[in-house]
């Protein structure tokens, strides 16, 4: 697909029709950063939508790495949240825009914003 806002918007409208339910197309906006180390990587996320939220993940690169030891060394052990489906459903409800939350003009402007940022 070409980096053309109207073409992307047309594809988005087709997806809205093809996906079942009134809110079949959630709009998820992220800024992601990954910091790779020898034994682990840290993923930081800023998610934007109805509000702003931040989260992090620390992932061991192999099963032999003691993730709790790494988290403790980074001072993150007490900040870890164990998540499940209910957690992410609530997170998404509070944060992500539904396809019906924006009118066509707002959706097209959002697409243009991300195209401009990705091309600059």
PDB file of N, CA and C in Angstrom:
ATOM      1  N   UNK A   1       0.844  -1.174   0.000  1.00  0.00           N
ATOM      2  CA  UNK A   1       0.000   0.000   0.000  1.00  0.00           C
ATOM      3  C   UNK A   1       0.892   1.240   0.000  1.00  0.00           C
ATOM      4  N   UNK A   2       0.537   2.173  -0.806  1.00  0.00           N
ATOM      5  CA  UNK A   2       1.277   3.427  -0.896  1.00  0.00           C
ATOM      6  C   UNK A   2       0.995   4.293   0.340  1.00  0.00           C
ATOM      7  N   UNK A   3       1.947   5.149   0.706  1.00  0.00           N
ATOM      8  CA  UNK A   3       1.717   6.049   1.850  1.00  0.00           C
ATOM      9  C   UNK A   3       0.795   7.208   1.460  1.00  0.00           C
ATOM     10  N   UNK A   4      -0.429   6.866   1.121  1.00  0.00           N
ATOM     11  CA  UNK A   4      -1.427   7.846   0.700  1.00  0.00           C
ATOM     12  C   UNK A   4      -2.585   7.787   1.695  1.00  0.00           C
ATOM     13  N   UNK A   5      -2.868   8.897   2.354  1.00  0.00           N
ATOM     14  CA  UNK A   5      -3.865   8.925   3.430  1.00  0.00           C
ATOM     15  C   UNK A   5      -5.246   8.482   2.953  1.00  0.00           C
ATOM     16  N   UNK A   6      -5.659   8.927   1.780  1.00  0.00           N
ATOM     17  CA  UNK A   6      -6.994   8.567   1.289  1.00  0.00           C
ATOM     18  C   UNK A   6      -7.082   7.074   0.976  1.00  0.00           C
ATOM     19  N   UNK A   7      -5.998   6.510   0.437  1.00  0.00           N
ATOM     20  CA  UNK A   7      -5.979   5.075   0.139  1.00  0.00           C
ATOM     21  C   UNK A   7      -6.034   4.254   1.434  1.00  0.00           C
ATOM     22  N   UNK A   8      -5.290   4.667   2.428  1.00  0.00           N
ATOM     23  CA  UNK A   8      -5.301   3.974   3.722  1.00  0.00           C
ATOM     24  C   UNK A   8      -6.669   4.105   4.378  1.00  0.00           C
ATOM     25  N   UNK A   9      -7.259   5.287   4.291  1.00  0.00           N
ATOM     26  CA  UNK A   9      -8.586   5.508   4.860  1.00  0.00           C
ATOM     27  C   UNK A   9      -9.620   4.617   4.172  1.00  0.00           C
ATOM     28  N   UNK A  10      -9.530   4.475   2.858  1.00  0.00           N
ATOM     29  CA  UNK A  10     -10.454   3.597   2.127  1.00  0.00           C
ATOM     30  C   UNK A  10     -10.306   2.150   2.589  1.00  0.00           C
ATOM     31  N   UNK A  11      -9.070   1.702   2.782  1.00  0.00           N
ATOM     32  CA  UNK A  11      -8.834   0.342   3.276  1.00  0.00           C
ATOM     33  C   UNK A  11      -9.416   0.185   4.685  1.00  0.00           C
ATOM     34  N   UNK A  12      -9.262   1.206   5.517  1.00  0.00           N
ATOM     35  CA  UNK A  12      -9.810   1.183   6.873  1.00  0.00           C
ATOM     36  C   UNK A  12     -11.336   1.058   6.827  1.00  0.00           C
ATOM     37  N   UNK A  13     -11.983   1.805   5.943  1.00  0.00           N
ATOM     38  CA  UNK A  13     -13.442   1.738   5.829  1.00  0.00           C
ATOM     39  C   UNK A  13     -13.891   0.342   5.395  1.00  0.00           C
ATOM     40  N   UNK A  14     -13.127  -0.292   4.509  1.00  0.00           N
ATOM     41  CA  UNK A  14     -13.451  -1.658   4.087  1.00  0.00           C
ATOM     42  C   UNK A  14     -13.348  -2.610   5.278  1.00  0.00           C
ATOM     43  N   UNK A  15     -12.293  -2.457   6.071  1.00  0.00           N
ATOM     44  CA  UNK A  15     -12.135  -3.305   7.262  1.00  0.00           C
ATOM     45  C   UNK A  15     -13.290  -3.116   8.235  1.00  0.00           C
ATOM     46  N   UNK A  16     -13.748  -1.887   8.396  1.00  0.00           N
ATOM     47  CA  UNK A  16     -14.878  -1.623   9.299  1.00  0.00           C
ATOM     48  C   UNK A  16     -16.116  -2.392   8.855  1.00  0.00           C
ATOM     49  N   UNK A  17     -16.312  -2.486   7.545  1.00  0.00           N
ATOM     50  CA  UNK A  17     -17.476  -3.199   7.014  1.00  0.00           C
ATOM     51  C   UNK A  17     -17.308  -4.712   7.185  1.00  0.00           C
ATOM     52  N   UNK A  18     -16.092  -5.200   6.960  1.00  0.00           N
ATOM     53  CA  UNK A  18     -15.841  -6.643   6.998  1.00  0.00           C
ATOM     54  C   UNK A  18     -15.815  -7.232   8.401  1.00  0.00           C
ATOM     55  N   UNK A  19     -15.410  -6.440   9.388  1.00  0.00           N
ATOM     56  CA  UNK A  19     -15.309  -6.949  10.755  1.00  0.00           C
ATOM     57  C   UNK A  19     -16.662  -6.872  11.445  1.00  0.00           C
ATOM     58  N   UNK A  20     -17.040  -7.937  12.145  1.00  0.00           N
ATOM     59  CA  UNK A  20     -18.362  -7.965  12.773  1.00  0.00           C
ATOM     60  C   UNK A  20     -18.474  -7.009  13.960  1.00  0.00           C
ATOM     61  N   UNK A  21     -19.690  -6.589  14.231  1.00  0.00           N
ATOM     62  CA  UNK A  21     -19.950  -5.743  15.395  1.00  0.00           C
ATOM     63  C   UNK A  21     -19.797  -4.272  15.079  1.00  0.00           C
ATOM     64  N   UNK A  22     -20.462  -3.465  15.874  1.00  0.00           N
ATOM     65  CA  UNK A  22     -20.436  -2.018  15.653  1.00  0.00           C
ATOM     66  C   UNK A  22     -19.060  -1.422  15.908  1.00  0.00           C
ATOM     67  N   UNK A  23     -18.298  -2.033  16.798  1.00  0.00           N
ATOM     68  CA  UNK A  23     -16.973  -1.508  17.140  1.00  0.00           C
ATOM     69  C   UNK A  23     -15.879  -2.502  16.750  1.00  0.00           C
ATOM     70  N   UNK A  24     -15.944  -3.006  15.545  1.00  0.00           N
ATOM     71  CA  UNK A  24     -14.988  -4.002  15.092  1.00  0.00           C
ATOM     72  C   UNK A  24     -13.575  -3.497  14.911  1.00  0.00           C
ATOM     73  N   UNK A  25     -13.408  -2.208  14.738  1.00  0.00           N
ATOM     74  CA  UNK A  25     -12.074  -1.643  14.485  1.00  0.00           C
ATOM     75  C   UNK A  25     -11.656  -0.723  15.626  1.00  0.00           C
ATOM     76  N   UNK A  26     -10.863  -1.246  16.542  1.00  0.00           N
ATOM     77  CA  UNK A  26     -10.281  -0.393  17.577  1.00  0.00           C
ATOM     78  C   UNK A  26      -9.109   0.372  16.985  1.00  0.00           C
ATOM     79  N   UNK A  27      -8.917   1.589  17.435  1.00  0.00           N
ATOM     80  CA  UNK A  27      -7.791   2.409  16.988  1.00  0.00           C
ATOM     81  C   UNK A  27      -6.797   2.448  18.137  1.00  0.00           C
ATOM     82  N   UNK A  28      -5.645   1.818  17.917  1.00  0.00           N
ATOM     83  CA  UNK A  28      -4.604   1.730  18.945  1.00  0.00           C
ATOM     84  C   UNK A  28      -3.403   2.534  18.490  1.00  0.00           C
ATOM     85  N   UNK A  29      -2.961   3.461  19.345  1.00  0.00           N
ATOM     86  CA  UNK A  29      -1.836   4.334  19.018  1.00  0.00           C
ATOM     87  C   UNK A  29      -0.735   4.128  20.052  1.00  0.00           C
ATOM     88  N   UNK A  30       0.450   3.805  19.559  1.00  0.00           N
ATOM     89  CA  UNK A  30       1.579   3.483  20.436  1.00  0.00           C
ATOM     90  C   UNK A  30       2.833   4.240  20.048  1.00  0.00           C
ATOM     91  N   UNK A  31       3.642   4.516  21.045  1.00  0.00           N
ATOM     92  CA  UNK A  31       5.059   4.833  20.870  1.00  0.00           C
ATOM     93  C   UNK A  31       5.779   3.736  21.638  1.00  0.00           C
ATOM     94  N   UNK A  32       6.578   2.937  20.952  1.00  0.00           N
ATOM     95  CA  UNK A  32       7.281   1.815  21.582  1.00  0.00           C
ATOM     96  C   UNK A  32       8.782   2.020  21.530  1.00  0.00           C
ATOM     97  N   UNK A  33       9.436   1.607  22.599  1.00  0.00           N
ATOM     98  CA  UNK A  33      10.896   1.662  22.665  1.00  0.00           C
ATOM     99  C   UNK A  33      11.388   0.342  23.235  1.00  0.00           C
ATOM    100  N   UNK A  34      12.405  -0.233  22.609  1.00  0.00           N
ATOM    101  CA  UNK A  34      12.987  -1.489  23.081  1.00  0.00           C
ATOM    102  C   UNK A  34      14.463  -1.256  23.366  1.00  0.00           C
ATOM    103  N   UNK A  35      14.868  -1.645  24.567  1.00  0.00           N
ATOM    104  CA  UNK A  35      16.265  -1.532  24.983  1.00  0.00           C
ATOM    105  C   UNK A  35      16.789  -2.949  25.196  1.00  0.00           C
ATOM    106  N   UNK A  36      17.663  -3.390  24.308  1.00  0.00           N
ATOM    107  CA  UNK A  36      18.192  -4.759  24.365  1.00  0.00           C
ATOM    108  C   UNK A  36      19.488  -4.802  25.159  1.00  0.00           C
ATOM    109  N   UNK A  37      19.541  -5.763  26.059  1.00  0.00           N
ATOM    110  CA  UNK A  37      20.736  -6.041  26.844  1.00  0.00           C
ATOM    111  C   UNK A  37      21.135  -7.492  26.568  1.00  0.00           C
ATOM    112  N   UNK A  38      22.243  -7.913  27.121  1.00  0.00           N
ATOM    113  CA  UNK A  38      22.729  -9.271  26.853  1.00  0.00           C
ATOM    114  C   UNK A  38      21.746 -10.349  27.320  1.00  0.00           C
ATOM    115  N   UNK A  39      21.165 -10.169  28.515  1.00  0.00           N
ATOM    116  CA  UNK A  39      20.313 -11.213  29.091  1.00  0.00           C
ATOM    117  C   UNK A  39      18.821 -10.886  29.084  1.00  0.00           C
ATOM    118  N   UNK A  40      18.471  -9.660  28.739  1.00  0.00           N
ATOM    119  CA  UNK A  40      17.070  -9.261  28.784  1.00  0.00           C
ATOM    120  C   UNK A  40      16.846  -8.068  27.867  1.00  0.00           C
ATOM    121  N   UNK A  41      15.565  -7.770  27.656  1.00  0.00           N
ATOM    122  CA  UNK A  41      15.219  -6.524  26.977  1.00  0.00           C
ATOM    123  C   UNK A  41      14.069  -5.861  27.717  1.00  0.00           C
ATOM    124  N   UNK A  42      14.101  -4.541  27.703  1.00  0.00           N
ATOM    125  CA  UNK A  42      13.053  -3.746  28.331  1.00  0.00           C
ATOM    126  C   UNK A  42      12.250  -3.100  27.213  1.00  0.00           C
ATOM    127  N   UNK A  43      10.936  -3.250  27.300  1.00  0.00           N
ATOM    128  CA  UNK A  43      10.041  -2.646  26.323  1.00  0.00           C
ATOM    129  C   UNK A  43       9.216  -1.581  27.047  1.00  0.00           C
ATOM    130  N   UNK A  44       9.318  -0.346  26.597  1.00  0.00           N
ATOM    131  CA  UNK A  44       8.533   0.753  27.160  1.00  0.00           C
ATOM    132  C   UNK A  44       7.486   1.162  26.138  1.00  0.00           C
ATOM    133  N   UNK A  45       6.275   1.376  26.609  1.00  0.00           N
ATOM    134  CA  UNK A  45       5.183   1.745  25.716  1.00  0.00           C
ATOM    135  C   UNK A  45       4.434   2.949  26.264  1.00  0.00           C
ATOM    136  N   UNK A  46       4.193   3.901  25.388  1.00  0.00           N
ATOM    137  CA  UNK A  46       3.293   5.016  25.669  1.00  0.00           C
ATOM    138  C   UNK A  46       2.115   4.809  24.729  1.00  0.00           C
ATOM    139  N   UNK A  47       0.934   4.584  25.299  1.00  0.00           N
ATOM    140  CA  UNK A  47      -0.247   4.347  24.483  1.00  0.00           C
ATOM    141  C   UNK A  47      -1.178   5.545  24.609  1.00  0.00           C
ATOM    142  N   UNK A  48      -1.684   5.995  23.471  1.00  0.00           N
ATOM    143  CA  UNK A  48      -2.488   7.209  23.389  1.00  0.00           C
ATOM    144  C   UNK A  48      -3.872   6.851  22.854  1.00  0.00           C
ATOM    145  N   UNK A  49      -4.886   7.521  23.350  1.00  0.00           N
ATOM    146  CA  UNK A  49      -6.244   7.300  22.868  1.00  0.00           C
ATOM    147  C   UNK A  49      -7.186   8.212  23.624  1.00  0.00           C
ATOM    148  N   UNK A  50      -8.124   7.610  24.355  1.00  0.00           N
ATOM    149  CA  UNK A  50      -9.026   8.395  25.195  1.00  0.00           C
ATOM    150  C   UNK A  50      -8.253   9.073  26.311  1.00  0.00           C
ATOM    151  N   UNK A  51      -7.140   8.491  26.686  1.00  0.00           N
ATOM    152  CA  UNK A  51      -6.235   9.024  27.697  1.00  0.00           C
ATOM    153  C   UNK A  51      -4.836   8.548  27.340  1.00  0.00           C
ATOM    154  N   UNK A  52      -3.860   8.821  28.166  1.00  0.00           N
ATOM    155  CA  UNK A  52      -2.496   8.330  27.958  1.00  0.00           C
ATOM    156  C   UNK A  52      -2.187   7.298  29.034  1.00  0.00           C
ATOM    157  N   UNK A  53      -1.511   6.231  28.649  1.00  0.00           N
ATOM    158  CA  UNK A  53      -1.048   5.236  29.618  1.00  0.00           C
ATOM    159  C   UNK A  53       0.354   4.798  29.222  1.00  0.00           C
ATOM    160  N   UNK A  54       1.091   4.398  30.229  1.00  0.00           N
ATOM    161  CA  UNK A  54       2.451   3.913  30.022  1.00  0.00           C
ATOM    162  C   UNK A  54       2.559   2.531  30.647  1.00  0.00           C
ATOM    163  N   UNK A  55       3.328   1.660  30.011  1.00  0.00           N
ATOM    164  CA  UNK A  55       3.628   0.387  30.653  1.00  0.00           C
ATOM    165  C   UNK A  55       5.007  -0.089  30.227  1.00  0.00           C
ATOM    166  N   UNK A  56       5.463  -1.133  30.893  1.00  0.00           N
ATOM    167  CA  UNK A  56       6.767  -1.694  30.554  1.00  0.00           C
ATOM    168  C   UNK A  56       6.699  -3.209  30.651  1.00  0.00           C
ATOM    169  N   UNK A  57       7.592  -3.843  29.920  1.00  0.00           N
ATOM    170  CA  UNK A  57       7.804  -5.285  30.015  1.00  0.00           C
ATOM    171  C   UNK A  57       9.297  -5.508  30.110  1.00  0.00           C
ATOM    172  N   UNK A  58       9.686  -6.461  30.906  1.00  0.00           N
ATOM    173  CA  UNK A  58      11.079  -6.910  30.929  1.00  0.00           C
ATOM    174  C   UNK A  58      11.026  -8.374  30.524  1.00  0.00           C
ATOM    175  N   UNK A  59      11.741  -8.699  29.470  1.00  0.00           N
ATOM    176  CA  UNK A  59      11.691 -10.050  28.921  1.00  0.00           C
ATOM    177  C   UNK A  59      13.084 -10.666  28.915  1.00  0.00           C
ATOM    178  N   UNK A  60      13.195 -11.850  29.503  1.00  0.00           N
ATOM    179  CA  UNK A  60      14.464 -12.583  29.498  1.00  0.00           C
ATOM    180  C   UNK A  60      14.697 -13.151  28.103  1.00  0.00           C
ATOM    181  N   UNK A  61      15.958 -13.171  27.668  1.00  0.00           N
ATOM    182  CA  UNK A  61      16.257 -13.673  26.324  1.00  0.00           C
ATOM    183  C   UNK A  61      16.370 -15.198  26.282  1.00  0.00           C
ATOM    184  N   UNK A  62      16.442 -15.846  27.453  1.00  0.00           N
ATOM    185  CA  UNK A  62      16.455 -17.313  27.490  1.00  0.00           C
ATOM    186  C   UNK A  62      15.805 -17.784  28.786  1.00  0.00           C
ATOM    187  N   UNK A  63      15.442 -19.041  28.815  1.00  0.00           N
ATOM    188  CA  UNK A  63      14.777 -19.604  29.996  1.00  0.00           C
ATOM    189  C   UNK A  63      15.719 -19.762  31.183  1.00  0.00           C
ATOM    190  N   UNK A  64      17.007 -19.682  30.947  1.00  0.00           N
ATOM    191  CA  UNK A  64      17.978 -19.845  32.043  1.00  0.00           C
ATOM    192  C   UNK A  64      18.218 -18.549  32.813  1.00  0.00           C
ATOM    193  N   UNK A  65      17.701 -17.443  32.314  1.00  0.00           N
ATOM    194  CA  UNK A  65      17.887 -16.144  32.963  1.00  0.00           C
ATOM    195  C   UNK A  65      16.875 -15.999  34.101  1.00  0.00           C
ATOM    196  N   UNK A  66      17.335 -15.549  35.263  1.00  0.00           N
ATOM    197  CA  UNK A  66      16.470 -15.328  36.419  1.00  0.00           C
ATOM    198  C   UNK A  66      15.849 -13.934  36.293  1.00  0.00           C
ATOM    199  N   UNK A  67      14.618 -13.907  35.790  1.00  0.00           N
ATOM    200  CA  UNK A  67      13.942 -12.637  35.529  1.00  0.00           C
ATOM    201  C   UNK A  67      13.692 -11.849  36.812  1.00  0.00           C
ATOM    202  N   UNK A  68      13.329 -12.519  37.893  1.00  0.00           N
ATOM    203  CA  UNK A  68      13.099 -11.813  39.163  1.00  0.00           C
ATOM    204  C   UNK A  68      14.358 -11.110  39.648  1.00  0.00           C
ATOM    205  N   UNK A  69      15.504 -11.734  39.465  1.00  0.00           N
ATOM    206  CA  UNK A  69      16.780 -11.122  39.862  1.00  0.00           C
ATOM    207  C   UNK A  69      17.048  -9.863  39.030  1.00  0.00           C
ATOM    208  N   UNK A  70      16.757  -9.933  37.748  1.00  0.00           N
ATOM    209  CA  UNK A  70      16.939  -8.764  36.872  1.00  0.00           C
ATOM    210  C   UNK A  70      15.990  -7.648  37.285  1.00  0.00           C
ATOM    211  N   UNK A  71      14.715  -7.990  37.504  1.00  0.00           N
ATOM    212  CA  UNK A  71      13.725  -6.990  37.920  1.00  0.00           C
ATOM    213  C   UNK A  71      14.129  -6.325  39.233  1.00  0.00           C
ATOM    214  N   UNK A  72      14.606  -7.120  40.176  1.00  0.00           N
ATOM    215  CA  UNK A  72      15.044  -6.574  41.463  1.00  0.00           C
ATOM    216  C   UNK A  72      16.232  -5.642  41.264  1.00  0.00           C
ATOM    217  N   UNK A  73      17.203  -6.048  40.454  1.00  0.00           N
ATOM    218  CA  UNK A  73      18.381  -5.223  40.181  1.00  0.00           C
ATOM    219  C   UNK A  73      18.039  -3.905  39.508  1.00  0.00           C
ATOM    220  N   UNK A  74      16.983  -3.909  38.704  1.00  0.00           N
ATOM    221  CA  UNK A  74      16.538  -2.688  38.025  1.00  0.00           C
ATOM    222  C   UNK A  74      15.612  -1.839  38.899  1.00  0.00           C
ATOM    223  N   UNK A  75      15.229  -2.359  40.062  1.00  0.00           N
ATOM    224  CA  UNK A  75      14.299  -1.641  40.936  1.00  0.00           C
ATOM    225  C   UNK A  75      12.867  -1.691  40.430  1.00  0.00           C
ATOM    226  N   UNK A  76      12.540  -2.703  39.641  1.00  0.00           N
ATOM    227  CA  UNK A  76      11.213  -2.794  39.034  1.00  0.00           C
ATOM    228  C   UNK A  76      10.341  -3.904  39.613  1.00  0.00           C
ATOM    229  N   UNK A  77      10.887  -4.726  40.477  1.00  0.00           N
ATOM    230  CA  UNK A  77      10.157  -5.893  40.966  1.00  0.00           C
ATOM    231  C   UNK A  77       8.817  -5.516  41.603  1.00  0.00           C
ATOM    232  N   UNK A  78       8.786  -4.446  42.384  1.00  0.00           N
ATOM    233  CA  UNK A  78       7.548  -4.041  43.064  1.00  0.00           C
ATOM    234  C   UNK A  78       6.534  -3.402  42.113  1.00  0.00           C
ATOM    235  N   UNK A  79       6.968  -3.044  40.910  1.00  0.00           N
ATOM    236  CA  UNK A  79       6.078  -2.399  39.946  1.00  0.00           C
ATOM    237  C   UNK A  79       5.436  -3.372  38.967  1.00  0.00           C
ATOM    238  N   UNK A  80       5.815  -4.638  39.041  1.00  0.00           N
ATOM    239  CA  UNK A  80       5.308  -5.633  38.099  1.00  0.00           C
ATOM    240  C   UNK A  80       3.831  -5.899  38.367  1.00  0.00           C
ATOM    241  N   UNK A  81       3.042  -5.896  37.306  1.00  0.00           N
ATOM    242  CA  UNK A  81       1.623  -6.218  37.381  1.00  0.00           C
ATOM    243  C   UNK A  81       1.396  -7.516  36.614  1.00  0.00           C
ATOM    244  N   UNK A  82       0.826  -8.489  37.275  1.00  0.00           N
ATOM    245  CA  UNK A  82       0.467  -9.733  36.597  1.00  0.00           C
ATOM    246  C   UNK A  82      -0.840  -9.458  35.857  1.00  0.00           C
ATOM    247  N   UNK A  83      -0.848  -9.729  34.576  1.00  0.00           N
ATOM    248  CA  UNK A  83      -2.019  -9.393  33.758  1.00  0.00           C
ATOM    249  C   UNK A  83      -2.743 -10.656  33.302  1.00  0.00           C
ATOM    250  N   UNK A  84      -4.001 -10.449  32.954  1.00  0.00           N
ATOM    251  CA  UNK A  84      -4.829 -11.514  32.402  1.00  0.00           C
ATOM    252  C   UNK A  84      -5.779 -10.887  31.388  1.00  0.00           C
ATOM    253  N   UNK A  85      -6.674 -11.672  30.843  1.00  0.00           N
ATOM    254  CA  UNK A  85      -7.594 -11.174  29.817  1.00  0.00           C
ATOM    255  C   UNK A  85      -8.442 -10.026  30.355  1.00  0.00           C
ATOM    256  N   UNK A  86      -8.930 -10.154  31.576  1.00  0.00           N
ATOM    257  CA  UNK A  86      -9.774  -9.103  32.161  1.00  0.00           C
ATOM    258  C   UNK A  86      -9.003  -7.790  32.294  1.00  0.00           C
ATOM    259  N   UNK A  87      -7.735  -7.884  32.707  1.00  0.00           N
ATOM    260  CA  UNK A  87      -6.898  -6.687  32.827  1.00  0.00           C
ATOM    261  C   UNK A  87      -6.806  -5.972  31.488  1.00  0.00           C
ATOM    262  N   UNK A  88      -6.488  -6.722  30.415  1.00  0.00           N
ATOM    263  CA  UNK A  88      -6.303  -6.091  29.100  1.00  0.00           C
ATOM    264  C   UNK A  88      -7.619  -5.611  28.508  1.00  0.00           C
ATOM    265  N   UNK A  89      -8.726  -6.303  28.784  1.00  0.00           N
ATOM    266  CA  UNK A  89     -10.031  -5.820  28.327  1.00  0.00           C
ATOM    267  C   UNK A  89     -10.348  -4.469  28.961  1.00  0.00           C
ATOM    268  N   UNK A  90     -10.113  -4.354  30.273  1.00  0.00           N
ATOM    269  CA  UNK A  90     -10.351  -3.087  30.981  1.00  0.00           C
ATOM    270  C   UNK A  90      -9.420  -1.999  30.446  1.00  0.00           C
ATOM    271  N   UNK A  91      -8.127  -2.330  30.282  1.00  0.00           N
ATOM    272  CA  UNK A  91      -7.127  -1.398  29.747  1.00  0.00           C
ATOM    273  C   UNK A  91      -7.592  -0.857  28.392  1.00  0.00           C
ATOM    274  N   UNK A  92      -7.964  -1.761  27.499  1.00  0.00           N
ATOM    275  CA  UNK A  92      -8.379  -1.367  26.154  1.00  0.00           C
ATOM    276  C   UNK A  92      -9.651  -0.536  26.174  1.00  0.00           C
ATOM    277  N   UNK A  93     -10.597  -0.892  27.044  1.00  0.00           N
ATOM    278  CA  UNK A  93     -11.838  -0.123  27.164  1.00  0.00           C
ATOM    279  C   UNK A  93     -11.572   1.315  27.608  1.00  0.00           C
ATOM    280  N   UNK A  94     -10.670   1.479  28.580  1.00  0.00           N
ATOM    281  CA  UNK A  94     -10.356   2.807  29.114  1.00  0.00           C
ATOM    282  C   UNK A  94      -9.550   3.649  28.133  1.00  0.00           C
ATOM    283  N   UNK A  95      -8.834   3.019  27.235  1.00  0.00           N
ATOM    284  CA  UNK A  95      -7.826   3.718  26.456  1.00  0.00           C
ATOM    285  C   UNK A  95      -8.102   3.820  24.962  1.00  0.00           C
ATOM    286  N   UNK A  96      -8.390   2.707  24.331  1.00  0.00           N
ATOM    287  CA  UNK A  96      -8.462   2.690  22.871  1.00  0.00           C
ATOM    288  C   UNK A  96      -9.739   3.310  22.342  1.00  0.00           C
ATOM    289  N   UNK A  97      -9.606   3.974  21.222  1.00  0.00           N
ATOM    290  CA  UNK A  97     -10.759   4.531  20.531  1.00  0.00           C
ATOM    291  C   UNK A  97     -11.429   3.432  19.720  1.00  0.00           C
ATOM    292  N   UNK A  98     -12.724   3.452  19.672  1.00  0.00           N
ATOM    293  CA  UNK A  98     -13.476   2.546  18.805  1.00  0.00           C
ATOM    294  C   UNK A  98     -13.569   3.197  17.429  1.00  0.00           C
ATOM    295  N   UNK A  99     -13.786   2.379  16.428  1.00  0.00           N
ATOM    296  CA  UNK A  99     -13.906   2.903  15.078  1.00  0.00           C
ATOM    297  C   UNK A  99     -15.024   3.916  14.931  1.00  0.00           C
ATOM    298  N   UNK A 100     -16.012   3.834  15.808  1.00  0.00           N
ATOM    299  CA  UNK A 100     -17.151   4.750  15.741  1.00  0.00           C
ATOM    300  C   UNK A 100     -16.952   6.011  16.586  1.00  0.00           C
ATOM    301  N   UNK A 101     -15.846   6.104  17.325  1.00  0.00           N
ATOM    302  CA  UNK A 101     -15.590   7.274  18.174  1.00  0.00           C
ATOM    303  C   UNK A 101     -15.196   8.508  17.369  1.00  0.00           C
ATOM    304  N   UNK A 102     -14.642   8.290  16.187  1.00  0.00           N
ATOM    305  CA  UNK A 102     -14.189   9.401  15.348  1.00  0.00           C
ATOM    306  C   UNK A 102     -15.037   9.468  14.090  1.00  0.00           C
ATOM    307  N   UNK A 103     -15.293  10.688  13.622  1.00  0.00           N
ATOM    308  CA  UNK A 103     -15.971  10.801  12.339  1.00  0.00           C
ATOM    309  C   UNK A 103     -14.940  10.617  11.219  1.00  0.00           C
ATOM    310  N   UNK A 104     -15.393  10.622   9.977  1.00  0.00           N
ATOM    311  CA  UNK A 104     -14.487  10.358   8.853  1.00  0.00           C
ATOM    312  C   UNK A 104     -13.365  11.385   8.766  1.00  0.00           C
ATOM    313  N   UNK A 105     -13.689  12.651   8.995  1.00  0.00           N
ATOM    314  CA  UNK A 105     -12.667  13.699   8.911  1.00  0.00           C
ATOM    315  C   UNK A 105     -11.601  13.496   9.994  1.00  0.00           C
ATOM    316  N   UNK A 106     -12.034  13.188  11.221  1.00  0.00           N
ATOM    317  CA  UNK A 106     -11.086  12.967  12.319  1.00  0.00           C
ATOM    318  C   UNK A 106     -10.195  11.750  12.052  1.00  0.00           C
ATOM    319  N   UNK A 107     -10.787  10.695  11.514  1.00  0.00           N
ATOM    320  CA  UNK A 107     -10.014   9.486  11.201  1.00  0.00           C
ATOM    321  C   UNK A 107      -8.982   9.777  10.124  1.00  0.00           C
ATOM    322  N   UNK A 108      -9.376  10.490   9.089  1.00  0.00           N
ATOM    323  CA  UNK A 108      -8.450  10.845   8.011  1.00  0.00           C
ATOM    324  C   UNK A 108      -7.317  11.724   8.541  1.00  0.00           C
ATOM    325  N   UNK A 109      -7.622  12.662   9.421  1.00  0.00           N
ATOM    326  CA  UNK A 109      -6.582  13.519  10.009  1.00  0.00           C
ATOM    327  C   UNK A 109      -5.603  12.705  10.858  1.00  0.00           C
ATOM    328  N   UNK A 110      -6.118  11.722  11.576  1.00  0.00           N
ATOM    329  CA  UNK A 110      -5.260  10.853  12.377  1.00  0.00           C
ATOM    330  C   UNK A 110      -4.315  10.051  11.475  1.00  0.00           C
ATOM    331  N   UNK A 111      -4.829   9.541  10.379  1.00  0.00           N
ATOM    332  CA  UNK A 111      -4.000   8.806   9.415  1.00  0.00           C
ATOM    333  C   UNK A 111      -2.930   9.727   8.850  1.00  0.00           C
ATOM    334  N   UNK A 112      -3.307  10.943   8.485  1.00  0.00           N
ATOM    335  CA  UNK A 112      -2.336  11.908   7.939  1.00  0.00           C
ATOM    336  C   UNK A 112      -1.241  12.216   8.958  1.00  0.00           C
ATOM    337  N   UNK A 113      -1.627  12.351  10.216  1.00  0.00           N
ATOM    338  CA  UNK A 113      -0.651  12.633  11.276  1.00  0.00           C
ATOM    339  C   UNK A 113       0.412  11.543  11.334  1.00  0.00           C
ATOM    340  N   UNK A 114      -0.027  10.285  11.332  1.00  0.00           N
ATOM    341  CA  UNK A 114       0.930   9.184  11.423  1.00  0.00           C
ATOM    342  C   UNK A 114       1.738   9.025  10.144  1.00  0.00           C
ATOM    343  N   UNK A 115       1.143   9.286   9.012  1.00  0.00           N
ATOM    344  CA  UNK A 115       1.905   9.239   7.757  1.00  0.00           C
ATOM    345  C   UNK A 115       2.992  10.298   7.750  1.00  0.00           C
ATOM    346  N   UNK A 116       2.639  11.510   8.176  1.00  0.00           N
ATOM    347  CA  UNK A 116       3.615  12.602   8.206  1.00  0.00           C
ATOM    348  C   UNK A 116       4.771  12.257   9.141  1.00  0.00           C
ATOM    349  N   UNK A 117       4.443  11.721  10.336  1.00  0.00           N
ATOM    350  CA  UNK A 117       5.480  11.359  11.309  1.00  0.00           C
ATOM    351  C   UNK A 117       6.369  10.240  10.785  1.00  0.00           C
ATOM    352  N   UNK A 118       5.782   9.266  10.096  1.00  0.00           N
ATOM    353  CA  UNK A 118       6.581   8.134   9.623  1.00  0.00           C
ATOM    354  C   UNK A 118       7.438   8.496   8.418  1.00  0.00           C
ATOM    355  N   UNK A 119       7.038   9.501   7.661  1.00  0.00           N
ATOM    356  CA  UNK A 119       7.797   9.893   6.473  1.00  0.00           C
ATOM    357  C   UNK A 119       8.841  10.960   6.769  1.00  0.00           C
ATOM    358  N   UNK A 120       8.785  11.556   7.958  1.00  0.00           N
ATOM    359  CA  UNK A 120       9.762  12.614   8.264  1.00  0.00           C
ATOM    360  C   UNK A 120      10.906  12.109   9.102  1.00  0.00           C
TER     361      UNK A 120
END
